[in-house]
Amino acid sequence: MGWMHRLPRKRRLPLLVLSWTVLLWFASFHSANAQFFSPQSGGESAGGLAGNRVQERMDKKKKGTNITEWVRRLRNDRPETRLEAVKSLGDSKDPKAIEHLLGATEDVDLRVKVKAIEYLGNLRATDATPILSQQLFRRDVHPAVKQKILIALGKIGDPRGAEPIMDFLRRNLDMPTKGTALFALRAVGNDSTLAFLDGFAQAEPSPPLRQLAADAATDIRHRLSPEFTPVVPTFIKQVELRNKAERGEQEQ
């Protein structure tokens, strides 16, 4: 970050604000789905254990117990019920849940919509790439939701998201949105994005954004080098690979 110290003092503050804003956006999907467990003491009373079992039965009744029940609850009139259904589907890690989470991205309630987007990103559901990419260009999608979509596309890591993100960056966007889009493009980009990033780094008037674009291009070039060729399978493919490993079979 030595380049930052070469900037005039009055231009350092916007750079720091942008950097922290983008980092906070990307950190959001970690905290949004974190689960907190309070430690149980060894000498719990019988009344406490009974109370826990009652609470568990109440929770199951509230959330449902299987994917059929969760899908049914996605059609409920109460957004709180639909939100619980989305959480249950996402936490289940069942490949069959992906298509229903995709449907939930069209929910009229922003909480339900955003939670479905977050789960698709966390599950690295490449099947979601085309649908999420389309929502970047829809007028009825709130700008804050588009930030969540960019984060999810970056988490998914599907190269098919690169072209839509580049098209999105050609629009008149605010600095935080541009920064988030550049981070997402850094995660999904390939050789076809390098010319765009190089041009962006030269033409963009904002020094912080120019630096983000240059860093993204550098990272992609490193990722494309022969010694670094990762393969990120879809969530469904990961389940198939895990099942084969459990059966002692080798991937062809």
C-alpha atoms as a PDB file:
ATOM      1  CA  MET A   1       0.000   0.000   0.000  1.00  0.00           C
ATOM      2  CA  GLY A   2       3.026   2.343  -0.423  1.00  0.00           C
ATOM      3  CA  TRP A   3       1.210   4.008  -3.326  1.00  0.00           C
ATOM      4  CA  MET A   4      -1.341   5.368  -0.805  1.00  0.00           C
ATOM      5  CA  HIS A   5       1.302   7.466   0.948  1.00  0.00           C
ATOM      6  CA  ARG A   6       2.184   9.133  -2.344  1.00  0.00           C
ATOM      7  CA  LEU A   7      -1.353  10.484  -2.625  1.00  0.00           C
ATOM      8  CA  PRO A   8      -2.175  13.959  -1.280  1.00  0.00           C
ATOM      9  CA  ARG A   9      -3.592  13.809   2.243  1.00  0.00           C
ATOM     10  CA  LYS A  10      -7.049  14.990   1.186  1.00  0.00           C
ATOM     11  CA  ARG A  11      -7.338  12.037  -1.230  1.00  0.00           C
ATOM     12  CA  ARG A  12      -6.372   9.366   1.296  1.00  0.00           C
ATOM     13  CA  LEU A  13      -9.612   9.527   3.272  1.00  0.00           C
ATOM     14  CA  PRO A  14     -11.896   8.555   0.293  1.00  0.00           C
ATOM     15  CA  LEU A  15      -9.523   5.664  -0.422  1.00  0.00           C
ATOM     16  CA  LEU A  16      -9.714   4.364   3.131  1.00  0.00           C
ATOM     17  CA  VAL A  17     -13.500   4.767   3.216  1.00  0.00           C
ATOM     18  CA  LEU A  18     -13.900   2.845  -0.048  1.00  0.00           C
ATOM     19  CA  SER A  19     -11.575   0.048   1.061  1.00  0.00           C
ATOM     20  CA  TRP A  20     -13.376  -0.449   4.347  1.00  0.00           C
ATOM     21  CA  THR A  21     -16.812  -0.273   2.677  1.00  0.00           C
ATOM     22  CA  VAL A  22     -15.972  -2.995   0.183  1.00  0.00           C
ATOM     23  CA  LEU A  23     -14.339  -5.201   2.809  1.00  0.00           C
ATOM     24  CA  LEU A  24     -17.382  -4.855   5.051  1.00  0.00           C
ATOM     25  CA  TRP A  25     -19.671  -5.860   2.188  1.00  0.00           C
ATOM     26  CA  PHE A  26     -17.604  -8.997   1.573  1.00  0.00           C
ATOM     27  CA  ALA A  27     -17.459  -9.793   5.264  1.00  0.00           C
ATOM     28  CA  SER A  28     -21.250  -9.602   5.489  1.00  0.00           C
ATOM     29  CA  PHE A  29     -21.874 -13.068   4.106  1.00  0.00           C
ATOM     30  CA  HIS A  30     -19.667 -14.538   6.842  1.00  0.00           C
ATOM     31  CA  SER A  31     -21.560 -12.903   9.692  1.00  0.00           C
ATOM     32  CA  ALA A  32     -25.012 -13.211   8.097  1.00  0.00           C
ATOM     33  CA  ASN A  33     -25.052 -16.985   8.419  1.00  0.00           C
ATOM     34  CA  ALA A  34     -22.907 -17.513  11.533  1.00  0.00           C
ATOM     35  CA  GLN A  35     -24.381 -19.852  14.139  1.00  0.00           C
ATOM     36  CA  PHE A  36     -23.846 -19.263  17.835  1.00  0.00           C
ATOM     37  CA  PHE A  37     -23.989 -22.061  20.383  1.00  0.00           C
ATOM     38  CA  SER A  38     -23.891 -21.506  24.110  1.00  0.00           C
ATOM     39  CA  PRO A  39     -21.853 -24.160  25.959  1.00  0.00           C
ATOM     40  CA  GLN A  40     -23.852 -26.660  27.988  1.00  0.00           C
ATOM     41  CA  SER A  41     -22.828 -27.325  31.588  1.00  0.00           C
ATOM     42  CA  GLY A  42     -22.365 -30.887  32.705  1.00  0.00           C
ATOM     43  CA  GLY A  43     -24.830 -30.648  35.609  1.00  0.00           C
ATOM     44  CA  GLU A  44     -27.983 -29.556  33.826  1.00  0.00           C
ATOM     45  CA  SER A  45     -31.183 -30.209  35.722  1.00  0.00           C
ATOM     46  CA  ALA A  46     -33.907 -32.555  34.489  1.00  0.00           C
ATOM     47  CA  GLY A  47     -36.199 -29.557  34.160  1.00  0.00           C
ATOM     48  CA  GLY A  48     -33.648 -27.817  31.941  1.00  0.00           C
ATOM     49  CA  LEU A  49     -33.288 -30.870  29.692  1.00  0.00           C
ATOM     50  CA  ALA A  50     -37.040 -31.199  29.391  1.00  0.00           C
ATOM     51  CA  GLY A  51     -37.291 -27.533  28.553  1.00  0.00           C
ATOM     52  CA  ASN A  52     -34.702 -27.967  25.805  1.00  0.00           C
ATOM     53  CA  ARG A  53     -36.645 -30.879  24.300  1.00  0.00           C
ATOM     54  CA  VAL A  54     -39.820 -28.815  24.333  1.00  0.00           C
ATOM     55  CA  GLN A  55     -38.004 -25.942  22.634  1.00  0.00           C
ATOM     56  CA  GLU A  56     -36.597 -28.320  20.005  1.00  0.00           C
ATOM     57  CA  ARG A  57     -40.086 -29.649  19.233  1.00  0.00           C
ATOM     58  CA  MET A  58     -41.385 -26.079  18.965  1.00  0.00           C
ATOM     59  CA  ASP A  59     -38.530 -25.142  16.635  1.00  0.00           C
ATOM     60  CA  LYS A  60     -39.197 -28.146  14.409  1.00  0.00           C
ATOM     61  CA  LYS A  61     -42.890 -27.289  14.279  1.00  0.00           C
ATOM     62  CA  LYS A  62     -42.011 -23.710  13.390  1.00  0.00           C
ATOM     63  CA  LYS A  63     -39.403 -24.500  10.729  1.00  0.00           C
ATOM     64  CA  GLY A  64     -40.652 -27.822   9.381  1.00  0.00           C
ATOM     65  CA  THR A  65     -38.702 -31.062   9.240  1.00  0.00           C
ATOM     66  CA  ASN A  66     -38.055 -31.813   5.555  1.00  0.00           C
ATOM     67  CA  ILE A  67     -37.570 -30.175   2.174  1.00  0.00           C
ATOM     68  CA  THR A  68     -41.196 -30.762   1.129  1.00  0.00           C
ATOM     69  CA  GLU A  69     -42.424 -28.865   4.171  1.00  0.00           C
ATOM     70  CA  TRP A  70     -39.921 -26.036   3.633  1.00  0.00           C
ATOM     71  CA  VAL A  71     -40.955 -25.635   0.003  1.00  0.00           C
ATOM     72  CA  ARG A  72     -44.595 -25.500   1.064  1.00  0.00           C
ATOM     73  CA  ARG A  73     -43.746 -22.752   3.544  1.00  0.00           C
ATOM     74  CA  LEU A  74     -42.119 -20.711   0.780  1.00  0.00           C
ATOM     75  CA  ARG A  75     -45.672 -20.089  -0.484  1.00  0.00           C
ATOM     76  CA  ASN A  76     -46.895 -18.832   2.894  1.00  0.00           C
ATOM     77  CA  ASP A  77     -48.340 -15.313   3.080  1.00  0.00           C
ATOM     78  CA  ARG A  78     -46.165 -14.393   6.065  1.00  0.00           C
ATOM     79  CA  PRO A  79     -42.661 -13.244   5.056  1.00  0.00           C
ATOM     80  CA  GLU A  80     -41.294 -14.451   8.409  1.00  0.00           C
ATOM     81  CA  THR A  81     -42.411 -17.985   7.560  1.00  0.00           C
ATOM     82  CA  ARG A  82     -40.863 -17.766   4.104  1.00  0.00           C
ATOM     83  CA  LEU A  83     -37.627 -16.477   5.636  1.00  0.00           C
ATOM     84  CA  GLU A  84     -37.459 -19.449   8.012  1.00  0.00           C
ATOM     85  CA  ALA A  85     -38.073 -21.751   5.049  1.00  0.00           C
ATOM     86  CA  VAL A  86     -35.166 -20.200   3.134  1.00  0.00           C
ATOM     87  CA  LYS A  87     -32.886 -20.610   6.163  1.00  0.00           C
ATOM     88  CA  SER A  88     -33.911 -24.257   6.535  1.00  0.00           C
ATOM     89  CA  LEU A  89     -33.307 -24.938   2.834  1.00  0.00           C
ATOM     90  CA  GLY A  90     -29.911 -23.243   2.901  1.00  0.00           C
ATOM     91  CA  ASP A  91     -28.774 -24.940   6.095  1.00  0.00           C
ATOM     92  CA  SER A  92     -29.886 -28.352   4.792  1.00  0.00           C
ATOM     93  CA  LYS A  93     -27.150 -28.321   2.115  1.00  0.00           C
ATOM     94  CA  ASP A  94     -29.436 -30.563   0.055  1.00  0.00           C
ATOM     95  CA  PRO A  95     -28.734 -30.140  -3.705  1.00  0.00           C
ATOM     96  CA  LYS A  96     -32.494 -30.206  -4.278  1.00  0.00           C
ATOM     97  CA  ALA A  97     -32.749 -26.975  -2.284  1.00  0.00           C
ATOM     98  CA  ILE A  98     -30.880 -24.962  -4.936  1.00  0.00           C
ATOM     99  CA  GLU A  99     -33.814 -24.588  -7.338  1.00  0.00           C
ATOM    100  CA  HIS A 100     -36.094 -23.450  -4.511  1.00  0.00           C
ATOM    101  CA  LEU A 101     -33.530 -20.927  -3.279  1.00  0.00           C
ATOM    102  CA  LEU A 102     -33.358 -19.625  -6.837  1.00  0.00           C
ATOM    103  CA  GLY A 103     -37.114 -19.129  -6.786  1.00  0.00           C
ATOM    104  CA  ALA A 104     -36.843 -17.291  -3.479  1.00  0.00           C
ATOM    105  CA  THR A 105     -34.606 -14.651  -5.099  1.00  0.00           C
ATOM    106  CA  GLU A 106     -37.834 -13.324  -6.659  1.00  0.00           C
ATOM    107  CA  ASP A 107     -39.568 -12.921  -3.292  1.00  0.00           C
ATOM    108  CA  VAL A 108     -41.238  -9.541  -2.764  1.00  0.00           C
ATOM    109  CA  ASP A 109     -39.805  -9.310   0.761  1.00  0.00           C
ATOM    110  CA  LEU A 110     -36.233  -7.999   0.686  1.00  0.00           C
ATOM    111  CA  ARG A 111     -35.202 -10.046   3.720  1.00  0.00           C
ATOM    112  CA  VAL A 112     -36.238 -13.297   2.044  1.00  0.00           C
ATOM    113  CA  LYS A 113     -34.695 -12.286  -1.270  1.00  0.00           C
ATOM    114  CA  VAL A 114     -31.347 -11.280   0.248  1.00  0.00           C
ATOM    115  CA  LYS A 115     -31.117 -14.382   2.445  1.00  0.00           C
ATOM    116  CA  ALA A 116     -31.694 -16.637  -0.593  1.00  0.00           C
ATOM    117  CA  ILE A 117     -28.959 -14.774  -2.499  1.00  0.00           C
ATOM    118  CA  GLU A 118     -26.552 -15.136   0.423  1.00  0.00           C
ATOM    119  CA  TYR A 119     -27.152 -18.883   0.688  1.00  0.00           C
ATOM    120  CA  LEU A 120     -26.630 -19.382  -3.060  1.00  0.00           C
ATOM    121  CA  GLY A 121     -23.286 -17.610  -2.708  1.00  0.00           C
ATOM    122  CA  ASN A 122     -22.252 -19.586   0.363  1.00  0.00           C
ATOM    123  CA  LEU A 123     -23.212 -22.849  -1.347  1.00  0.00           C
ATOM    124  CA  ARG A 124     -21.247 -21.822  -4.465  1.00  0.00           C
ATOM    125  CA  ALA A 125     -24.249 -22.728  -6.559  1.00  0.00           C
ATOM    126  CA  THR A 126     -23.032 -22.121 -10.114  1.00  0.00           C
ATOM    127  CA  ASP A 127     -26.565 -22.861 -11.312  1.00  0.00           C
ATOM    128  CA  ALA A 128     -27.467 -19.455  -9.861  1.00  0.00           C
ATOM    129  CA  THR A 129     -24.985 -17.487 -11.982  1.00  0.00           C
ATOM    130  CA  PRO A 130     -27.293 -16.702 -14.964  1.00  0.00           C
ATOM    131  CA  ILE A 131     -30.261 -15.711 -12.805  1.00  0.00           C
ATOM    132  CA  LEU A 132     -28.246 -13.547 -10.414  1.00  0.00           C
ATOM    133  CA  SER A 133     -26.417 -11.909 -13.320  1.00  0.00           C
ATOM    134  CA  GLN A 134     -29.710 -10.935 -14.952  1.00  0.00           C
ATOM    135  CA  GLN A 135     -30.885  -9.261 -11.748  1.00  0.00           C
ATOM    136  CA  LEU A 136     -27.938  -6.853 -11.894  1.00  0.00           C
ATOM    137  CA  PHE A 137     -29.629  -5.086 -14.810  1.00  0.00           C
ATOM    138  CA  ARG A 138     -33.223  -5.054 -13.598  1.00  0.00           C
ATOM    139  CA  ARG A 139     -34.704  -1.730 -12.518  1.00  0.00           C
ATOM    140  CA  ASP A 140     -36.947  -3.398  -9.944  1.00  0.00           C
ATOM    141  CA  VAL A 141     -33.945  -4.764  -8.017  1.00  0.00           C
ATOM    142  CA  HIS A 142     -32.790  -2.443  -5.226  1.00  0.00           C
ATOM    143  CA  PRO A 143     -29.169  -1.176  -5.483  1.00  0.00           C
ATOM    144  CA  ALA A 144     -28.361  -2.673  -2.077  1.00  0.00           C
ATOM    145  CA  VAL A 145     -29.590  -6.065  -3.316  1.00  0.00           C
ATOM    146  CA  LYS A 146     -27.302  -5.730  -6.337  1.00  0.00           C
ATOM    147  CA  GLN A 147     -24.407  -5.361  -3.908  1.00  0.00           C
ATOM    148  CA  LYS A 148     -25.416  -8.674  -2.347  1.00  0.00           C
ATOM    149  CA  ILE A 149     -25.650 -10.242  -5.807  1.00  0.00           C
ATOM    150  CA  LEU A 150     -22.104  -9.122  -6.641  1.00  0.00           C
ATOM    151  CA  ILE A 151     -20.844 -10.602  -3.386  1.00  0.00           C
ATOM    152  CA  ALA A 152     -22.639 -13.887  -4.145  1.00  0.00           C
ATOM    153  CA  LEU A 153     -21.243 -14.031  -7.700  1.00  0.00           C
ATOM    154  CA  GLY A 154     -17.739 -13.499  -6.334  1.00  0.00           C
ATOM    155  CA  LYS A 155     -18.258 -16.256  -3.760  1.00  0.00           C
ATOM    156  CA  ILE A 156     -19.614 -18.654  -6.395  1.00  0.00           C
ATOM    157  CA  GLY A 157     -16.558 -18.042  -8.577  1.00  0.00           C
ATOM    158  CA  ASP A 158     -18.233 -19.023 -11.847  1.00  0.00           C
ATOM    159  CA  PRO A 159     -16.373 -17.533 -14.886  1.00  0.00           C
ATOM    160  CA  ARG A 160     -19.727 -17.089 -16.621  1.00  0.00           C
ATOM    161  CA  GLY A 161     -20.332 -14.177 -14.267  1.00  0.00           C
ATOM    162  CA  ALA A 162     -17.392 -12.195 -15.655  1.00  0.00           C
ATOM    163  CA  GLU A 163     -19.083 -10.775 -18.765  1.00  0.00           C
ATOM    164  CA  PRO A 164     -22.215  -9.542 -16.926  1.00  0.00           C
ATOM    165  CA  ILE A 165     -20.069  -7.937 -14.217  1.00  0.00           C
ATOM    166  CA  MET A 166     -17.991  -6.120 -16.834  1.00  0.00           C
ATOM    167  CA  ASP A 167     -21.173  -4.867 -18.521  1.00  0.00           C
ATOM    168  CA  PHE A 168     -22.444  -3.744 -15.131  1.00  0.00           C
ATOM    169  CA  LEU A 169     -19.209  -1.839 -14.463  1.00  0.00           C
ATOM    170  CA  ARG A 170     -19.733   0.127 -17.680  1.00  0.00           C
ATOM    171  CA  ARG A 171     -22.797   1.718 -16.088  1.00  0.00           C
ATOM    172  CA  ASN A 172     -22.888   4.886 -14.031  1.00  0.00           C
ATOM    173  CA  LEU A 173     -22.300   3.418 -10.559  1.00  0.00           C
ATOM    174  CA  ASP A 174     -21.292   4.838  -7.199  1.00  0.00           C
ATOM    175  CA  MET A 175     -17.806   4.093  -5.875  1.00  0.00           C
ATOM    176  CA  PRO A 176     -18.755   1.385  -3.319  1.00  0.00           C
ATOM    177  CA  THR A 177     -20.735  -0.523  -5.955  1.00  0.00           C
ATOM    178  CA  LYS A 178     -17.868  -0.269  -8.428  1.00  0.00           C
ATOM    179  CA  GLY A 179     -15.471  -1.481  -5.759  1.00  0.00           C
ATOM    180  CA  THR A 180     -17.641  -4.480  -4.922  1.00  0.00           C
ATOM    181  CA  ALA A 181     -18.020  -5.287  -8.619  1.00  0.00           C
ATOM    182  CA  LEU A 182     -14.228  -5.179  -9.077  1.00  0.00           C
ATOM    183  CA  PHE A 183     -13.749  -7.568  -6.161  1.00  0.00           C
ATOM    184  CA  ALA A 184     -16.335  -9.908  -7.697  1.00  0.00           C
ATOM    185  CA  LEU A 185     -14.665  -9.680 -11.107  1.00  0.00           C
ATOM    186  CA  ARG A 186     -11.347 -10.456  -9.465  1.00  0.00           C
ATOM    187  CA  ALA A 187     -12.851 -13.711  -8.142  1.00  0.00           C
ATOM    188  CA  VAL A 188     -14.522 -14.869 -11.382  1.00  0.00           C
ATOM    189  CA  GLY A 189     -12.317 -13.276 -14.033  1.00  0.00           C
ATOM    190  CA  ASN A 190     -10.310 -15.087 -16.690  1.00  0.00           C
ATOM    191  CA  ASP A 191      -8.098 -14.074 -19.599  1.00  0.00           C
ATOM    192  CA  SER A 192     -11.050 -12.420 -21.354  1.00  0.00           C
ATOM    193  CA  THR A 193     -11.352  -9.879 -18.525  1.00  0.00           C
ATOM    194  CA  LEU A 194      -7.738  -8.714 -18.485  1.00  0.00           C
ATOM    195  CA  ALA A 195      -8.075  -6.173 -21.296  1.00  0.00           C
ATOM    196  CA  PHE A 196     -11.132  -4.696 -19.611  1.00  0.00           C
ATOM    197  CA  LEU A 197      -9.370  -4.394 -16.246  1.00  0.00           C
ATOM    198  CA  ASP A 198      -6.249  -2.884 -17.811  1.00  0.00           C
ATOM    199  CA  GLY A 199      -8.395  -0.311 -19.611  1.00  0.00           C
ATOM    200  CA  PHE A 200     -10.397   0.405 -16.460  1.00  0.00           C
ATOM    201  CA  ALA A 201      -7.193   0.941 -14.467  1.00  0.00           C
ATOM    202  CA  GLN A 202      -6.072   3.567 -16.998  1.00  0.00           C
ATOM    203  CA  ALA A 203      -9.368   5.382 -17.607  1.00  0.00           C
ATOM    204  CA  GLU A 204     -11.035   5.422 -14.175  1.00  0.00           C
ATOM    205  CA  PRO A 205     -10.658   8.859 -12.515  1.00  0.00           C
ATOM    206  CA  SER A 206     -10.673   7.443  -8.963  1.00  0.00           C
ATOM    207  CA  PRO A 207      -7.183   6.328  -7.801  1.00  0.00           C
ATOM    208  CA  PRO A 208      -8.570   3.725  -5.342  1.00  0.00           C
ATOM    209  CA  LEU A 209     -10.694   2.124  -8.043  1.00  0.00           C
ATOM    210  CA  ARG A 210      -7.800   2.197 -10.508  1.00  0.00           C
ATOM    211  CA  GLN A 211      -5.702   0.360  -7.933  1.00  0.00           C
ATOM    212  CA  LEU A 212      -8.443  -2.214  -7.319  1.00  0.00           C
ATOM    213  CA  ALA A 213      -8.662  -2.883 -11.060  1.00  0.00           C
ATOM    214  CA  ALA A 214      -4.890  -3.238 -11.359  1.00  0.00           C
ATOM    215  CA  ASP A 215      -4.764  -5.584  -8.369  1.00  0.00           C
ATOM    216  CA  ALA A 216      -7.597  -7.654  -9.845  1.00  0.00           C
ATOM    217  CA  ALA A 217      -5.724  -8.026 -13.141  1.00  0.00           C
ATOM    218  CA  THR A 218      -2.554  -9.063 -11.302  1.00  0.00           C
ATOM    219  CA  ASP A 219      -4.442 -11.639  -9.261  1.00  0.00           C
ATOM    220  CA  ILE A 220      -6.146 -13.108 -12.339  1.00  0.00           C
ATOM    221  CA  ARG A 221      -2.838 -13.377 -14.209  1.00  0.00           C
ATOM    222  CA  HIS A 222      -1.379 -15.255 -11.247  1.00  0.00           C
ATOM    223  CA  ARG A 223      -4.413 -17.527 -11.121  1.00  0.00           C
ATOM    224  CA  LEU A 224      -4.082 -18.300 -14.829  1.00  0.00           C
ATOM    225  CA  SER A 225      -0.425 -19.236 -14.528  1.00  0.00           C
ATOM    226  CA  PRO A 226       0.398 -22.950 -15.078  1.00  0.00           C
ATOM    227  CA  GLU A 227       1.272 -23.566 -11.441  1.00  0.00           C
ATOM    228  CA  PHE A 228      -2.079 -22.246 -10.209  1.00  0.00           C
ATOM    229  CA  THR A 229      -5.135 -23.827 -11.848  1.00  0.00           C
ATOM    230  CA  PRO A 230      -7.907 -24.342  -9.268  1.00  0.00           C
ATOM    231  CA  VAL A 231     -11.183 -26.018 -10.166  1.00  0.00           C
ATOM    232  CA  VAL A 232     -14.285 -25.006  -8.179  1.00  0.00           C
ATOM    233  CA  PRO A 233     -17.105 -27.501  -8.775  1.00  0.00           C
ATOM    234  CA  THR A 234     -20.744 -26.605  -8.240  1.00  0.00           C
ATOM    235  CA  PHE A 235     -22.323 -27.442  -4.905  1.00  0.00           C
ATOM    236  CA  ILE A 236     -24.174 -30.375  -6.502  1.00  0.00           C
ATOM    237  CA  LYS A 237     -20.904 -31.653  -7.987  1.00  0.00           C
ATOM    238  CA  GLN A 238     -19.239 -31.372  -4.581  1.00  0.00           C
ATOM    239  CA  VAL A 239     -21.941 -33.592  -3.103  1.00  0.00           C
ATOM    240  CA  GLU A 240     -21.404 -36.144  -5.889  1.00  0.00           C
ATOM    241  CA  LEU A 241     -17.648 -36.135  -5.281  1.00  0.00           C
ATOM    242  CA  ARG A 242     -18.172 -36.566  -1.539  1.00  0.00           C
ATOM    243  CA  ASN A 243     -20.550 -39.492  -2.081  1.00  0.00           C
ATOM    244  CA  LYS A 244     -18.070 -41.174  -4.434  1.00  0.00           C
ATOM    245  CA  ALA A 245     -15.291 -40.698  -1.910  1.00  0.00           C
ATOM    246  CA  GLU A 246     -17.428 -42.296   0.798  1.00  0.00           C
ATOM    247  CA  ARG A 247     -18.027 -45.278  -1.501  1.00  0.00           C
ATOM    248  CA  GLY A 248     -14.302 -45.497  -2.235  1.00  0.00           C
ATOM    249  CA  GLU A 249     -14.723 -44.576  -5.914  1.00  0.00           C
ATOM    250  CA  GLN A 250     -12.322 -42.392  -7.880  1.00  0.00           C
ATOM    251  CA  GLU A 251     -13.390 -39.382  -9.970  1.00  0.00           C
ATOM    252  CA  GLN A 252     -12.987 -40.038 -13.663  1.00  0.00           C
END
